Amino acid sequence: MTKHCIICGKDAKFALKGASGYYCEQCAKESFSDLDLLESLESQARALKERLKNKE
């Protein structure tokens, strides 16, 4: 399931840590001076995959 940017609706690449807001790369750079506040959706997917793997 593809997440969409809450500002422009494009495919999101980042999520706000600890919240449900998603952002495309351009909107993330425009909205946050420090992208360290955000987590890449790719890293979230890897972490979930690892948790599922360890559960088996």
PDB file of N, CA and C in Angstrom:
ATOM      1  N   MET A   1       0.845  -1.178   0.000  1.00  0.00           N
ATOM      2  CA  MET A   1       0.000   0.000   0.000  1.00  0.00           C
ATOM      3  C   MET A   1       0.890   1.241   0.000  1.00  0.00           C
ATOM      4  N   THR A   2       0.675   2.098  -0.950  1.00  0.00           N
ATOM      5  CA  THR A   2       1.472   3.303  -1.092  1.00  0.00           C
ATOM      6  C   THR A   2       0.955   4.403  -0.180  1.00  0.00           C
ATOM      7  N   LYS A   3       1.867   5.044   0.519  1.00  0.00           N
ATOM      8  CA  LYS A   3       1.518   6.191   1.365  1.00  0.00           C
ATOM      9  C   LYS A   3       1.648   7.443   0.509  1.00  0.00           C
ATOM     10  N   HIS A   4       0.825   8.446   0.804  1.00  0.00           N
ATOM     11  CA  HIS A   4       0.832   9.675   0.024  1.00  0.00           C
ATOM     12  C   HIS A   4       1.163  10.863   0.919  1.00  0.00           C
ATOM     13  N   CYS A   5       1.847  11.830   0.336  1.00  0.00           N
ATOM     14  CA  CYS A   5       2.226  13.060   1.025  1.00  0.00           C
ATOM     15  C   CYS A   5       0.972  13.795   1.490  1.00  0.00           C
ATOM     16  N   ILE A   6       0.992  14.253   2.742  1.00  0.00           N
ATOM     17  CA  ILE A   6      -0.173  14.955   3.283  1.00  0.00           C
ATOM     18  C   ILE A   6      -0.284  16.381   2.741  1.00  0.00           C
ATOM     19  N   ILE A   7       0.763  16.863   2.064  1.00  0.00           N
ATOM     20  CA  ILE A   7       0.739  18.218   1.521  1.00  0.00           C
ATOM     21  C   ILE A   7       0.322  18.226   0.053  1.00  0.00           C
ATOM     22  N   CYS A   8       1.001  17.420  -0.774  1.00  0.00           N
ATOM     23  CA  CYS A   8       0.749  17.494  -2.219  1.00  0.00           C
ATOM     24  C   CYS A   8       0.109  16.241  -2.810  1.00  0.00           C
ATOM     25  N   GLY A   9       0.088  15.137  -2.072  1.00  0.00           N
ATOM     26  CA  GLY A   9      -0.551  13.922  -2.553  1.00  0.00           C
ATOM     27  C   GLY A   9       0.347  12.984  -3.349  1.00  0.00           C
ATOM     28  N   LYS A  10       1.612  13.378  -3.600  1.00  0.00           N
ATOM     29  CA  LYS A  10       2.544  12.493  -4.309  1.00  0.00           C
ATOM     30  C   LYS A  10       2.931  11.320  -3.411  1.00  0.00           C
ATOM     31  N   ASP A  11       3.570  10.303  -4.006  1.00  0.00           N
ATOM     32  CA  ASP A  11       4.040   9.164  -3.222  1.00  0.00           C
ATOM     33  C   ASP A  11       5.009   9.637  -2.147  1.00  0.00           C
ATOM     34  N   ALA A  12       4.779   9.202  -0.925  1.00  0.00           N
ATOM     35  CA  ALA A  12       5.604   9.625   0.208  1.00  0.00           C
ATOM     36  C   ALA A  12       6.866   8.780   0.312  1.00  0.00           C
ATOM     37  N   LYS A  13       7.925   9.414   0.798  1.00  0.00           N
ATOM     38  CA  LYS A  13       9.184   8.728   1.048  1.00  0.00           C
ATOM     39  C   LYS A  13       9.593   8.840   2.508  1.00  0.00           C
ATOM     40  N   PHE A  14       8.932   9.741   3.252  1.00  0.00           N
ATOM     41  CA  PHE A  14       9.291   9.977   4.643  1.00  0.00           C
ATOM     42  C   PHE A  14       8.055   9.999   5.522  1.00  0.00           C
ATOM     43  N   ALA A  15       8.257   9.654   6.792  1.00  0.00           N
ATOM     44  CA  ALA A  15       7.190   9.733   7.787  1.00  0.00           C
ATOM     45  C   ALA A  15       7.736  10.483   8.996  1.00  0.00           C
ATOM     46  N   LEU A  16       6.894  11.222   9.647  1.00  0.00           N
ATOM     47  CA  LEU A  16       7.274  11.925  10.860  1.00  0.00           C
ATOM     48  C   LEU A  16       7.384  10.894  11.970  1.00  0.00           C
ATOM     49  N   LYS A  17       8.534  10.862  12.648  1.00  0.00           N
ATOM     50  CA  LYS A  17       8.755   9.872  13.703  1.00  0.00           C
ATOM     51  C   LYS A  17       7.697  10.021  14.792  1.00  0.00           C
ATOM     52  N   GLY A  18       7.046   8.922  15.126  1.00  0.00           N
ATOM     53  CA  GLY A  18       6.058   8.912  16.195  1.00  0.00           C
ATOM     54  C   GLY A  18       4.710   9.513  15.817  1.00  0.00           C
ATOM     55  N   ALA A  19       4.478   9.761  14.536  1.00  0.00           N
ATOM     56  CA  ALA A  19       3.205  10.333  14.097  1.00  0.00           C
ATOM     57  C   ALA A  19       2.794   9.676  12.785  1.00  0.00           C
ATOM     58  N   SER A  20       1.640  10.055  12.289  1.00  0.00           N
ATOM     59  CA  SER A  20       1.148   9.410  11.076  1.00  0.00           C
ATOM     60  C   SER A  20       1.236  10.305   9.844  1.00  0.00           C
ATOM     61  N   GLY A  21       2.008  11.383   9.880  1.00  0.00           N
ATOM     62  CA  GLY A  21       2.152  12.259   8.725  1.00  0.00           C
ATOM     63  C   GLY A  21       3.201  11.735   7.763  1.00  0.00           C
ATOM     64  N   TYR A  22       2.876  11.717   6.480  1.00  0.00           N
ATOM     65  CA  TYR A  22       3.794  11.236   5.446  1.00  0.00           C
ATOM     66  C   TYR A  22       4.095  12.372   4.479  1.00  0.00           C
ATOM     67  N   TYR A  23       5.339  12.386   3.955  1.00  0.00           N
ATOM     68  CA  TYR A  23       5.791  13.477   3.100  1.00  0.00           C
ATOM     69  C   TYR A  23       6.602  12.961   1.921  1.00  0.00           C
ATOM     70  N   CYS A  24       6.428  13.590   0.746  1.00  0.00           N
ATOM     71  CA  CYS A  24       7.314  13.308  -0.382  1.00  0.00           C
ATOM     72  C   CYS A  24       8.633  14.018  -0.079  1.00  0.00           C
ATOM     73  N   GLU A  25       9.652  13.734  -0.857  1.00  0.00           N
ATOM     74  CA  GLU A  25      10.973  14.303  -0.573  1.00  0.00           C
ATOM     75  C   GLU A  25      10.965  15.835  -0.668  1.00  0.00           C
ATOM     76  N   GLN A  26      10.324  16.374  -1.673  1.00  0.00           N
ATOM     77  CA  GLN A  26      10.310  17.826  -1.859  1.00  0.00           C
ATOM     78  C   GLN A  26       9.595  18.534  -0.711  1.00  0.00           C
ATOM     79  N   CYS A  27       8.423  18.056  -0.338  1.00  0.00           N
ATOM     80  CA  CYS A  27       7.667  18.694   0.747  1.00  0.00           C
ATOM     81  C   CYS A  27       8.388  18.528   2.087  1.00  0.00           C
ATOM     82  N   ALA A  28       9.054  17.401   2.279  1.00  0.00           N
ATOM     83  CA  ALA A  28       9.810  17.181   3.514  1.00  0.00           C
ATOM     84  C   ALA A  28      10.931  18.202   3.629  1.00  0.00           C
ATOM     85  N   LYS A  29      11.651  18.428   2.537  1.00  0.00           N
ATOM     86  CA  LYS A  29      12.748  19.401   2.557  1.00  0.00           C
ATOM     87  C   LYS A  29      12.232  20.817   2.777  1.00  0.00           C
ATOM     88  N   GLU A  30      11.075  21.139   2.204  1.00  0.00           N
ATOM     89  CA  GLU A  30      10.501  22.469   2.364  1.00  0.00           C
ATOM     90  C   GLU A  30       9.916  22.683   3.755  1.00  0.00           C
ATOM     91  N   SER A  31       9.397  21.628   4.370  1.00  0.00           N
ATOM     92  CA  SER A  31       8.701  21.754   5.650  1.00  0.00           C
ATOM     93  C   SER A  31       9.608  21.590   6.866  1.00  0.00           C
ATOM     94  N   PHE A  32      10.708  20.866   6.710  1.00  0.00           N
ATOM     95  CA  PHE A  32      11.588  20.583   7.840  1.00  0.00           C
ATOM     96  C   PHE A  32      13.013  20.981   7.491  1.00  0.00           C
ATOM     97  N   SER A  33      13.620  21.756   8.353  1.00  0.00           N
ATOM     98  CA  SER A  33      15.007  22.134   8.099  1.00  0.00           C
ATOM     99  C   SER A  33      15.948  20.972   8.383  1.00  0.00           C
ATOM    100  N   ASP A  34      15.508  20.024   9.203  1.00  0.00           N
ATOM    101  CA  ASP A  34      16.331  18.878   9.575  1.00  0.00           C
ATOM    102  C   ASP A  34      15.574  17.595   9.261  1.00  0.00           C
ATOM    103  N   LEU A  35      16.006  16.880   8.219  1.00  0.00           N
ATOM    104  CA  LEU A  35      15.315  15.652   7.829  1.00  0.00           C
ATOM    105  C   LEU A  35      15.550  14.521   8.831  1.00  0.00           C
ATOM    106  N   ASP A  36      16.398  14.741   9.841  1.00  0.00           N
ATOM    107  CA  ASP A  36      16.591  13.738  10.887  1.00  0.00           C
ATOM    108  C   ASP A  36      15.338  13.572  11.735  1.00  0.00           C
ATOM    109  N   LEU A  37      14.421  14.531  11.663  1.00  0.00           N
ATOM    110  CA  LEU A  37      13.149  14.408  12.369  1.00  0.00           C
ATOM    111  C   LEU A  37      12.247  13.377  11.706  1.00  0.00           C
ATOM    112  N   LEU A  38      12.591  13.047  10.456  1.00  0.00           N
ATOM    113  CA  LEU A  38      11.774  12.132   9.671  1.00  0.00           C
ATOM    114  C   LEU A  38      12.454  10.781   9.540  1.00  0.00           C
ATOM    115  N   GLU A  39      11.657   9.785   9.276  1.00  0.00           N
ATOM    116  CA  GLU A  39      12.150   8.432   9.074  1.00  0.00           C
ATOM    117  C   GLU A  39      11.764   8.009   7.662  1.00  0.00           C
ATOM    118  N   SER A  40      12.692   7.399   6.949  1.00  0.00           N
ATOM    119  CA  SER A  40      12.347   6.975   5.591  1.00  0.00           C
ATOM    120  C   SER A  40      11.376   5.797   5.666  1.00  0.00           C
ATOM    121  N   LEU A  41      10.435   5.771   4.751  1.00  0.00           N
ATOM    122  CA  LEU A  41       9.466   4.672   4.727  1.00  0.00           C
ATOM    123  C   LEU A  41      10.166   3.361   4.414  1.00  0.00           C
ATOM    124  N   GLU A  42      11.267   3.440   3.704  1.00  0.00           N
ATOM    125  CA  GLU A  42      12.048   2.250   3.386  1.00  0.00           C
ATOM    126  C   GLU A  42      12.602   1.613   4.669  1.00  0.00           C
ATOM    127  N   SER A  43      13.084   2.443   5.585  1.00  0.00           N
ATOM    128  CA  SER A  43      13.618   1.898   6.840  1.00  0.00           C
ATOM    129  C   SER A  43      12.499   1.327   7.709  1.00  0.00           C
ATOM    130  N   GLN A  44      11.313   1.948   7.657  1.00  0.00           N
ATOM    131  CA  GLN A  44      10.166   1.402   8.389  1.00  0.00           C
ATOM    132  C   GLN A  44       9.794   0.032   7.843  1.00  0.00           C
ATOM    133  N   ALA A  45       9.813  -0.122   6.525  1.00  0.00           N
ATOM    134  CA  ALA A  45       9.462  -1.398   5.897  1.00  0.00           C
ATOM    135  C   ALA A  45      10.478  -2.471   6.260  1.00  0.00           C
ATOM    136  N   ARG A  46      11.770  -2.117   6.263  1.00  0.00           N
ATOM    137  CA  ARG A  46      12.809  -3.083   6.647  1.00  0.00           C
ATOM    138  C   ARG A  46      12.634  -3.541   8.090  1.00  0.00           C
ATOM    139  N   ALA A  47      12.335  -2.599   8.987  1.00  0.00           N
ATOM    140  CA  ALA A  47      12.152  -2.939  10.398  1.00  0.00           C
ATOM    141  C   ALA A  47      10.955  -3.869  10.587  1.00  0.00           C
ATOM    142  N   LEU A  48       9.869  -3.593   9.890  1.00  0.00           N
ATOM    143  CA  LEU A  48       8.683  -4.447   9.980  1.00  0.00           C
ATOM    144  C   LEU A  48       8.980  -5.834   9.447  1.00  0.00           C
ATOM    145  N   LYS A  49       9.686  -5.900   8.328  1.00  0.00           N
ATOM    146  CA  LYS A  49      10.058  -7.181   7.731  1.00  0.00           C
ATOM    147  C   LYS A  49      10.905  -8.002   8.707  1.00  0.00           C
ATOM    148  N   GLU A  50      11.843  -7.336   9.382  1.00  0.00           N
ATOM    149  CA  GLU A  50      12.720  -8.005  10.346  1.00  0.00           C
ATOM    150  C   GLU A  50      11.908  -8.528  11.545  1.00  0.00           C
ATOM    151  N   ARG A  51      10.962  -7.714  12.037  1.00  0.00           N
ATOM    152  CA  ARG A  51      10.114  -8.161  13.159  1.00  0.00           C
ATOM    153  C   ARG A  51       9.302  -9.382  12.776  1.00  0.00           C
ATOM    154  N   LEU A  52       8.760  -9.387  11.560  1.00  0.00           N
ATOM    155  CA  LEU A  52       7.976 -10.527  11.097  1.00  0.00           C
ATOM    156  C   LEU A  52       8.850 -11.772  10.950  1.00  0.00           C
ATOM    157  N   LYS A  53      10.035 -11.589  10.453  1.00  0.00           N
ATOM    158  CA  LYS A  53      10.982 -12.689  10.283  1.00  0.00           C
ATOM    159  C   LYS A  53      11.344 -13.302  11.635  1.00  0.00           C
ATOM    160  N   ASN A  54      11.576 -12.453  12.631  1.00  0.00           N
ATOM    161  CA  ASN A  54      11.945 -12.939  13.966  1.00  0.00           C
ATOM    162  C   ASN A  54      10.777 -13.615  14.678  1.00  0.00           C
ATOM    163  N   LYS A  55       9.570 -13.261  14.299  1.00  0.00           N
ATOM    164  CA  LYS A  55       8.384 -13.838  14.917  1.00  0.00           C
ATOM    165  C   LYS A  55       8.143 -15.279  14.464  1.00  0.00           C
ATOM    166  N   GLU A  56       8.620 -15.615  13.256  1.00  0.00           N
ATOM    167  CA  GLU A  56       8.403 -16.954  12.695  1.00  0.00           C
ATOM    168  C   GLU A  56       9.185 -17.990  13.368  1.00  0.00           C
TER     169      GLU A  56
END
